[in-house]
Every structure is written in structure tokens, then in C-alpha cells.
């Protein structure tokens, strides 16, 4: 069964699959440590302070 046929024949399964992926992403986002965030997304907004100090 192809992915297209599965998503057309079983829309509830497709919705539940995407919702579970989204829920897993949300749980992972809340549990990630501060050191693993990309630069500029810290809670005290260091990137903004660096740009403002150069001006």
C-alpha cells in the first residue's frame, strides 16, 4: 500500500500520525537543555544585546 493510498483511505490514521509527531516534537522541545539551543534563542536574548552594543 502506497503512502498516498494510505492517507486517502485512512484519514484518521494520517491525522493521528501527524499529531503524534507534533506531540513528540513539543515534548522534546520542552526537555532540551539550554546548551543545545541554537545561538540567539537563549532566555536572556544575548544575540539582541550583541547587536545593540555594536550600534
N, C-alpha and C. Protein backbone atom coordinates (compact mmCIF):
# COMPACT_ATOMS: atom_id res chain seq x y z
N UNK A 1 0.84 -1.18 0.00
CA UNK A 1 0.00 0.00 0.00
C UNK A 1 0.89 1.24 0.00
N UNK A 2 0.67 2.13 -0.94
CA UNK A 2 1.50 3.33 -1.04
C UNK A 2 1.08 4.35 0.03
N UNK A 3 1.93 5.30 0.26
CA UNK A 3 1.66 6.34 1.26
C UNK A 3 0.44 7.17 0.85
N UNK A 4 0.33 7.47 -0.42
CA UNK A 4 -0.81 8.24 -0.91
C UNK A 4 -2.11 7.49 -0.70
N UNK A 5 -2.14 6.23 -1.05
CA UNK A 5 -3.35 5.42 -0.88
C UNK A 5 -3.71 5.29 0.60
N UNK A 6 -2.72 5.11 1.45
CA UNK A 6 -2.95 5.00 2.89
C UNK A 6 -3.57 6.29 3.44
N UNK A 7 -3.05 7.43 3.03
CA UNK A 7 -3.55 8.69 3.56
C UNK A 7 -4.96 9.01 3.05
N UNK A 8 -5.30 8.55 1.84
CA UNK A 8 -6.65 8.77 1.31
C UNK A 8 -7.65 7.80 1.93
N UNK A 9 -7.24 6.54 2.06
CA UNK A 9 -8.15 5.53 2.58
C UNK A 9 -8.34 5.63 4.09
N UNK A 10 -7.34 6.10 4.81
CA UNK A 10 -7.40 6.16 6.28
C UNK A 10 -6.99 7.56 6.77
N UNK A 11 -7.88 8.54 6.62
CA UNK A 11 -7.51 9.91 7.01
C UNK A 11 -7.30 10.07 8.52
N UNK A 12 -8.01 9.31 9.32
CA UNK A 12 -7.84 9.43 10.78
C UNK A 12 -6.46 8.93 11.18
N UNK A 13 -6.00 7.88 10.55
CA UNK A 13 -4.66 7.36 10.82
C UNK A 13 -3.60 8.41 10.46
N UNK A 14 -3.80 9.08 9.34
CA UNK A 14 -2.86 10.11 8.91
C UNK A 14 -2.84 11.28 9.89
N UNK A 15 -4.03 11.70 10.32
CA UNK A 15 -4.11 12.81 11.30
C UNK A 15 -3.44 12.42 12.60
N UNK A 16 -3.70 11.21 13.09
CA UNK A 16 -3.10 10.76 14.34
C UNK A 16 -1.57 10.64 14.22
N UNK A 17 -1.09 10.22 13.07
CA UNK A 17 0.35 10.13 12.86
C UNK A 17 1.01 11.50 12.95
N UNK A 18 0.42 12.49 12.27
CA UNK A 18 0.99 13.84 12.31
C UNK A 18 0.85 14.48 13.69
N UNK A 19 -0.24 14.21 14.38
CA UNK A 19 -0.40 14.74 15.73
C UNK A 19 0.60 14.11 16.69
N UNK A 20 0.89 12.82 16.54
CA UNK A 20 1.86 12.18 17.42
C UNK A 20 3.27 12.70 17.14
N UNK A 21 3.59 12.96 15.88
CA UNK A 21 4.90 13.56 15.57
C UNK A 21 5.00 14.96 16.18
N UNK A 22 3.94 15.74 16.08
CA UNK A 22 3.92 17.07 16.68
C UNK A 22 4.04 17.03 18.19
N UNK A 23 3.36 16.09 18.82
CA UNK A 23 3.44 15.95 20.28
C UNK A 23 4.83 15.53 20.71
N UNK A 24 5.44 14.63 19.96
CA UNK A 24 6.81 14.22 20.27
C UNK A 24 7.77 15.40 20.14
N UNK A 25 7.57 16.23 19.12
CA UNK A 25 8.41 17.41 18.96
C UNK A 25 8.22 18.41 20.09
N UNK A 26 6.98 18.60 20.52
CA UNK A 26 6.71 19.52 21.63
C UNK A 26 7.34 19.02 22.93
N UNK A 27 7.22 17.74 23.20
CA UNK A 27 7.84 17.17 24.41
C UNK A 27 9.36 17.31 24.33
N UNK A 28 9.93 17.04 23.17
CA UNK A 28 11.38 17.17 23.01
C UNK A 28 11.83 18.61 23.18
N UNK A 29 11.05 19.56 22.66
CA UNK A 29 11.39 20.98 22.78
C UNK A 29 11.41 21.43 24.23
N UNK A 30 10.46 20.95 25.03
CA UNK A 30 10.41 21.37 26.43
C UNK A 30 11.51 20.73 27.26
N UNK A 31 12.06 19.61 26.81
CA UNK A 31 13.09 18.91 27.58
C UNK A 31 14.51 19.19 27.12
N UNK A 32 14.70 19.96 26.05
CA UNK A 32 16.04 20.22 25.55
C UNK A 32 16.79 21.13 26.52
N UNK A 33 18.07 20.86 26.69
CA UNK A 33 18.85 21.69 27.62
C UNK A 33 19.25 23.00 26.95
N UNK A 34 19.59 23.98 27.75
CA UNK A 34 19.93 25.31 27.26
C UNK A 34 21.15 25.29 26.35
N UNK A 35 22.09 24.40 26.60
CA UNK A 35 23.32 24.35 25.81
C UNK A 35 23.06 23.87 24.38
N UNK A 36 21.97 23.15 24.15
CA UNK A 36 21.70 22.60 22.83
C UNK A 36 20.87 23.52 21.95
N UNK A 37 20.40 24.65 22.48
CA UNK A 37 19.66 25.60 21.67
C UNK A 37 20.59 26.27 20.67
N UNK A 38 20.11 26.61 19.50
CA UNK A 38 20.93 27.37 18.55
C UNK A 38 21.26 28.75 19.12
N UNK A 39 22.31 29.38 18.61
CA UNK A 39 22.72 30.70 19.09
C UNK A 39 21.60 31.72 18.89
N UNK A 40 21.34 32.52 19.89
CA UNK A 40 20.37 33.59 19.77
C UNK A 40 18.99 33.25 20.29
N UNK A 41 18.80 32.04 20.82
CA UNK A 41 17.48 31.67 21.31
C UNK A 41 17.53 31.45 22.82
N UNK A 42 18.46 32.08 23.48
CA UNK A 42 18.54 31.93 24.92
C UNK A 42 17.47 32.80 25.59
N UNK A 43 17.24 32.54 26.86
CA UNK A 43 16.17 33.23 27.55
C UNK A 43 16.46 34.72 27.78
N UNK A 44 17.73 35.09 27.89
CA UNK A 44 18.04 36.50 28.12
C UNK A 44 18.38 37.25 26.84
N UNK A 45 18.23 36.61 25.68
CA UNK A 45 18.34 37.24 24.37
C UNK A 45 19.72 37.87 24.16
N UNK A 46 20.78 37.07 24.29
CA UNK A 46 22.16 37.55 24.12
C UNK A 46 22.41 38.11 22.72
N UNK A 47 21.82 37.50 21.71
CA UNK A 47 22.04 37.93 20.33
C UNK A 47 21.59 39.38 20.15
N UNK A 48 20.47 39.73 20.73
CA UNK A 48 19.95 41.09 20.63
C UNK A 48 20.89 42.06 21.33
N UNK A 49 21.43 41.67 22.48
CA UNK A 49 22.34 42.54 23.23
C UNK A 49 23.62 42.78 22.44
N UNK A 50 24.13 41.73 21.77
CA UNK A 50 25.37 41.87 20.99
C UNK A 50 25.15 42.85 19.84
N UNK A 51 24.02 42.71 19.13
CA UNK A 51 23.74 43.62 18.02
C UNK A 51 23.53 45.05 18.50
N UNK A 52 22.88 45.24 19.62
CA UNK A 52 22.61 46.58 20.13
C UNK A 52 23.90 47.25 20.60
N UNK A 53 24.86 46.48 21.13
CA UNK A 53 26.08 47.08 21.65
C UNK A 53 26.99 47.56 20.51
N UNK A 54 26.88 46.98 19.32
CA UNK A 54 27.71 47.40 18.19
C UNK A 54 27.19 48.70 17.57
N UNK A 55 25.94 49.01 17.74
CA UNK A 55 25.35 50.22 17.12
C UNK A 55 25.73 51.48 17.84
